[in-house]
Amino acid sequence: MTLRSGLFRTVTGFHRAVFRASGGRLLGRMGGMPVVVLTTVGHRTGRRRATMLTTPVADSQRVVLVASYGGYSHNPHWFQNLLTHPEVTVTMRGMAERPMRARVAGRDERVELWARVVAAYPGYERYQQRTDRLIPLVILEPYAVPN
């Protein structure tokens, strides 16, 4: 682990702790977008993994995540996790942990959403320009957990 990645993990851990302790009232926005804690199941390990992300589009019926990974050539780990295990949980400001099901936006849906994503945070367009891969948009929708 490099000094930079160690510092990033420390800051993210602090952010997650403050966010959870305050119910998202503190540090609940970043870059003008709401912060979410996405909890996935590891595609190899089967262990729960919590990731701090931002959402450029969110309403009562869906949360949209951008698997940009800063424009790197490969998708982030959380994306692979939800492809394997699409049942996830999300925590946002003022909202208890909520079960949701993930799916990747289809081509036409992505076109419509991409304009909204870039309007919320223009940096996503720069990330797309850095990579040859089409950055996936993930749509999380609520679902009832089976008893």
C-alpha atoms as a PDB file:
ATOM      1  CA  MET A   1       0.000   0.000   0.000  1.00  0.00           C
ATOM      2  CA  THR A   2       1.374   3.394  -0.948  1.00  0.00           C
ATOM      3  CA  LEU A   3       1.277   6.435   1.296  1.00  0.00           C
ATOM      4  CA  ARG A   4      -1.322   7.999  -1.008  1.00  0.00           C
ATOM      5  CA  SER A   5      -3.654   4.975  -0.952  1.00  0.00           C
ATOM      6  CA  GLY A   6      -3.210   4.663   2.828  1.00  0.00           C
ATOM      7  CA  LEU A   7      -4.147   8.316   3.297  1.00  0.00           C
ATOM      8  CA  PHE A   8      -7.159   7.887   0.988  1.00  0.00           C
ATOM      9  CA  ARG A   9      -8.362   4.883   3.002  1.00  0.00           C
ATOM     10  CA  THR A  10      -7.934   6.776   6.269  1.00  0.00           C
ATOM     11  CA  VAL A  11      -9.874   9.812   5.008  1.00  0.00           C
ATOM     12  CA  THR A  12     -12.599   7.604   3.529  1.00  0.00           C
ATOM     13  CA  GLY A  13     -12.875   5.644   6.790  1.00  0.00           C
ATOM     14  CA  PHE A  14     -13.252   8.891   8.727  1.00  0.00           C
ATOM     15  CA  HIS A  15     -15.840  10.159   6.228  1.00  0.00           C
ATOM     16  CA  ARG A  16     -17.818   6.903   6.486  1.00  0.00           C
ATOM     17  CA  ALA A  17     -17.746   6.987  10.307  1.00  0.00           C
ATOM     18  CA  VAL A  18     -18.941  10.610  10.510  1.00  0.00           C
ATOM     19  CA  PHE A  19     -21.579  10.013   7.817  1.00  0.00           C
ATOM     20  CA  ARG A  20     -22.988   6.960   9.597  1.00  0.00           C
ATOM     21  CA  ALA A  21     -22.846   8.453  13.089  1.00  0.00           C
ATOM     22  CA  SER A  22     -24.718  11.561  11.941  1.00  0.00           C
ATOM     23  CA  GLY A  23     -27.219   9.717   9.753  1.00  0.00           C
ATOM     24  CA  GLY A  24     -25.734  11.531   6.771  1.00  0.00           C
ATOM     25  CA  ARG A  25     -26.419  14.989   8.187  1.00  0.00           C
ATOM     26  CA  LEU A  26     -22.659  15.669   8.288  1.00  0.00           C
ATOM     27  CA  LEU A  27     -20.572  15.088   5.160  1.00  0.00           C
ATOM     28  CA  GLY A  28     -23.726  14.044   3.288  1.00  0.00           C
ATOM     29  CA  ARG A  29     -22.744  15.911   0.108  1.00  0.00           C
ATOM     30  CA  MET A  30     -19.583  15.967  -1.960  1.00  0.00           C
ATOM     31  CA  GLY A  31     -18.947  17.837  -5.195  1.00  0.00           C
ATOM     32  CA  GLY A  32     -22.508  19.115  -4.990  1.00  0.00           C
ATOM     33  CA  MET A  33     -23.942  15.584  -5.067  1.00  0.00           C
ATOM     34  CA  PRO A  34     -25.471  13.443  -2.320  1.00  0.00           C
ATOM     35  CA  VAL A  35     -23.153  10.863  -0.779  1.00  0.00           C
ATOM     36  CA  VAL A  36     -24.294   7.255  -0.534  1.00  0.00           C
ATOM     37  CA  VAL A  37     -22.862   4.250   1.222  1.00  0.00           C
ATOM     38  CA  LEU A  38     -23.271   1.322  -1.149  1.00  0.00           C
ATOM     39  CA  THR A  39     -22.976  -2.082   0.481  1.00  0.00           C
ATOM     40  CA  THR A  40     -22.329  -4.952  -1.895  1.00  0.00           C
ATOM     41  CA  VAL A  41     -21.337  -8.590  -1.502  1.00  0.00           C
ATOM     42  CA  GLY A  42     -17.843  -9.358  -2.758  1.00  0.00           C
ATOM     43  CA  HIS A  43     -17.944 -11.322  -5.982  1.00  0.00           C
ATOM     44  CA  ARG A  44     -15.065 -13.565  -4.876  1.00  0.00           C
ATOM     45  CA  THR A  45     -15.102 -13.399  -1.088  1.00  0.00           C
ATOM     46  CA  GLY A  46     -18.833 -13.256  -0.377  1.00  0.00           C
ATOM     47  CA  ARG A  47     -18.102 -10.633   2.309  1.00  0.00           C
ATOM     48  CA  ARG A  48     -20.067  -7.404   2.656  1.00  0.00           C
ATOM     49  CA  ARG A  49     -18.208  -4.386   1.271  1.00  0.00           C
ATOM     50  CA  ALA A  50     -19.163  -0.767   1.964  1.00  0.00           C
ATOM     51  CA  THR A  51     -18.137   1.896  -0.544  1.00  0.00           C
ATOM     52  CA  MET A  52     -18.630   5.657  -0.307  1.00  0.00           C
ATOM     53  CA  LEU A  53     -19.906   7.091  -3.596  1.00  0.00           C
ATOM     54  CA  THR A  54     -21.798  10.088  -4.888  1.00  0.00           C
ATOM     55  CA  THR A  55     -25.023   9.991  -6.857  1.00  0.00           C
ATOM     56  CA  PRO A  56     -25.675  12.562  -9.564  1.00  0.00           C
ATOM     57  CA  VAL A  57     -29.317  11.442  -9.933  1.00  0.00           C
ATOM     58  CA  ALA A  58     -31.499  10.278  -7.052  1.00  0.00           C
ATOM     59  CA  ASP A  59     -35.193  10.324  -6.291  1.00  0.00           C
ATOM     60  CA  SER A  60     -37.653   8.223  -4.308  1.00  0.00           C
ATOM     61  CA  GLN A  61     -37.644   5.426  -6.919  1.00  0.00           C
ATOM     62  CA  ARG A  62     -34.013   5.148  -7.960  1.00  0.00           C
ATOM     63  CA  VAL A  63     -30.422   6.044  -7.298  1.00  0.00           C
ATOM     64  CA  VAL A  64     -28.002   6.340 -10.209  1.00  0.00           C
ATOM     65  CA  LEU A  65     -24.324   5.528  -9.709  1.00  0.00           C
ATOM     66  CA  VAL A  66     -21.496   6.146 -12.167  1.00  0.00           C
ATOM     67  CA  ALA A  67     -18.878   3.377 -12.429  1.00  0.00           C
ATOM     68  CA  SER A  68     -16.273   5.864 -13.625  1.00  0.00           C
ATOM     69  CA  TYR A  69     -13.291   4.854 -11.481  1.00  0.00           C
ATOM     70  CA  GLY A  70     -11.869   8.262 -12.354  1.00  0.00           C
ATOM     71  CA  GLY A  71     -11.537   7.290 -16.019  1.00  0.00           C
ATOM     72  CA  TYR A  72      -9.256   4.305 -15.434  1.00  0.00           C
ATOM     73  CA  SER A  73      -9.297   1.585 -18.066  1.00  0.00           C
ATOM     74  CA  HIS A  74     -11.222  -0.874 -15.882  1.00  0.00           C
ATOM     75  CA  ASN A  75     -14.404  -0.793 -13.844  1.00  0.00           C
ATOM     76  CA  PRO A  76     -14.337  -0.315 -10.059  1.00  0.00           C
ATOM     77  CA  HIS A  77     -14.536  -3.388  -7.808  1.00  0.00           C
ATOM     78  CA  TRP A  78     -17.959  -2.442  -6.461  1.00  0.00           C
ATOM     79  CA  PHE A  79     -19.307  -2.655 -10.014  1.00  0.00           C
ATOM     80  CA  GLN A  80     -18.128  -6.242 -10.436  1.00  0.00           C
ATOM     81  CA  ASN A  81     -19.613  -7.078  -7.039  1.00  0.00           C
ATOM     82  CA  LEU A  82     -23.080  -5.854  -7.974  1.00  0.00           C
ATOM     83  CA  LEU A  83     -22.977  -7.601 -11.356  1.00  0.00           C
ATOM     84  CA  THR A  84     -22.494 -10.868  -9.475  1.00  0.00           C
ATOM     85  CA  HIS A  85     -24.775  -9.994  -6.541  1.00  0.00           C
ATOM     86  CA  PRO A  86     -27.275  -7.289  -7.631  1.00  0.00           C
ATOM     87  CA  GLU A  87     -29.028  -7.130  -4.249  1.00  0.00           C
ATOM     88  CA  VAL A  88     -27.351  -4.254  -2.417  1.00  0.00           C
ATOM     89  CA  THR A  89     -28.119  -1.804   0.355  1.00  0.00           C
ATOM     90  CA  VAL A  90     -27.822   1.974   0.175  1.00  0.00           C
ATOM     91  CA  THR A  91     -27.661   4.569   2.913  1.00  0.00           C
ATOM     92  CA  MET A  92     -28.235   8.229   2.123  1.00  0.00           C
ATOM     93  CA  ARG A  93     -28.825  11.326   4.215  1.00  0.00           C
ATOM     94  CA  GLY A  94     -31.825  10.912   6.471  1.00  0.00           C
ATOM     95  CA  MET A  95     -32.562   7.444   5.164  1.00  0.00           C
ATOM     96  CA  ALA A  96     -32.073   4.141   6.927  1.00  0.00           C
ATOM     97  CA  GLU A  97     -30.167   1.424   5.119  1.00  0.00           C
ATOM     98  CA  ARG A  98     -32.429   0.521   2.201  1.00  0.00           C
ATOM     99  CA  PRO A  99     -32.416  -2.721   0.195  1.00  0.00           C
ATOM    100  CA  MET A 100     -32.123  -2.116  -3.529  1.00  0.00           C
ATOM    101  CA  ARG A 101     -31.512  -4.123  -6.682  1.00  0.00           C
ATOM    102  CA  ALA A 102     -28.860  -2.965  -9.144  1.00  0.00           C
ATOM    103  CA  ARG A 103     -28.976  -3.064 -12.913  1.00  0.00           C
ATOM    104  CA  VAL A 104     -26.882  -1.473 -15.621  1.00  0.00           C
ATOM    105  CA  ALA A 105     -28.689   1.179 -17.663  1.00  0.00           C
ATOM    106  CA  GLY A 106     -29.518   0.091 -21.198  1.00  0.00           C
ATOM    107  CA  ARG A 107     -28.228   2.057 -24.176  1.00  0.00           C
ATOM    108  CA  ASP A 108     -31.224   4.393 -24.619  1.00  0.00           C
ATOM    109  CA  GLU A 109     -31.654   4.865 -20.880  1.00  0.00           C
ATOM    110  CA  ARG A 110     -27.944   5.667 -20.536  1.00  0.00           C
ATOM    111  CA  VAL A 111     -28.128   8.352 -23.224  1.00  0.00           C
ATOM    112  CA  GLU A 112     -30.963  10.079 -21.363  1.00  0.00           C
ATOM    113  CA  LEU A 113     -29.261   9.759 -17.988  1.00  0.00           C
ATOM    114  CA  TRP A 114     -25.760  10.714 -19.160  1.00  0.00           C
ATOM    115  CA  ALA A 115     -26.874  14.295 -19.877  1.00  0.00           C
ATOM    116  CA  ARG A 116     -28.211  14.579 -16.310  1.00  0.00           C
ATOM    117  CA  VAL A 117     -25.082  12.952 -14.861  1.00  0.00           C
ATOM    118  CA  VAL A 118     -22.745  15.396 -16.628  1.00  0.00           C
ATOM    119  CA  ALA A 119     -24.970  18.348 -15.708  1.00  0.00           C
ATOM    120  CA  ALA A 120     -24.635  17.343 -12.038  1.00  0.00           C
ATOM    121  CA  TYR A 121     -20.859  16.876 -12.271  1.00  0.00           C
ATOM    122  CA  PRO A 122     -19.007  17.829 -15.490  1.00  0.00           C
ATOM    123  CA  GLY A 123     -15.962  15.834 -14.348  1.00  0.00           C
ATOM    124  CA  TYR A 124     -17.685  12.648 -15.474  1.00  0.00           C
ATOM    125  CA  GLU A 125     -17.307  13.790 -19.090  1.00  0.00           C
ATOM    126  CA  ARG A 126     -13.537  14.170 -18.548  1.00  0.00           C
ATOM    127  CA  TYR A 127     -13.432  10.671 -17.042  1.00  0.00           C
ATOM    128  CA  GLN A 128     -15.194   9.293 -20.132  1.00  0.00           C
ATOM    129  CA  GLN A 129     -12.655  11.023 -22.383  1.00  0.00           C
ATOM    130  CA  ARG A 130      -9.764   9.393 -20.475  1.00  0.00           C
ATOM    131  CA  THR A 131     -10.875   5.835 -21.169  1.00  0.00           C
ATOM    132  CA  ASP A 132     -11.820   3.621 -24.105  1.00  0.00           C
ATOM    133  CA  ARG A 133     -14.489   1.818 -22.081  1.00  0.00           C
ATOM    134  CA  LEU A 134     -18.038   3.115 -21.966  1.00  0.00           C
ATOM    135  CA  ILE A 135     -18.513   4.154 -18.347  1.00  0.00           C
ATOM    136  CA  PRO A 136     -21.495   2.199 -17.002  1.00  0.00           C
ATOM    137  CA  LEU A 137     -24.396   3.853 -15.267  1.00  0.00           C
ATOM    138  CA  VAL A 138     -25.942   1.719 -12.550  1.00  0.00           C
ATOM    139  CA  ILE A 139     -29.544   2.124 -11.537  1.00  0.00           C
ATOM    140  CA  LEU A 140     -30.528   1.045  -8.049  1.00  0.00           C
ATOM    141  CA  GLU A 141     -34.224   0.454  -7.468  1.00  0.00           C
ATOM    142  CA  PRO A 142     -35.971  -0.488  -4.219  1.00  0.00           C
ATOM    143  CA  TYR A 143     -37.200  -4.012  -3.779  1.00  0.00           C
ATOM    144  CA  ALA A 144     -38.859  -5.979  -1.015  1.00  0.00           C
ATOM    145  CA  VAL A 145     -36.526  -8.388   0.721  1.00  0.00           C
ATOM    146  CA  PRO A 146     -38.044 -11.898   0.606  1.00  0.00           C
ATOM    147  CA  ASN A 147     -38.972 -13.296   4.026  1.00  0.00           C
END
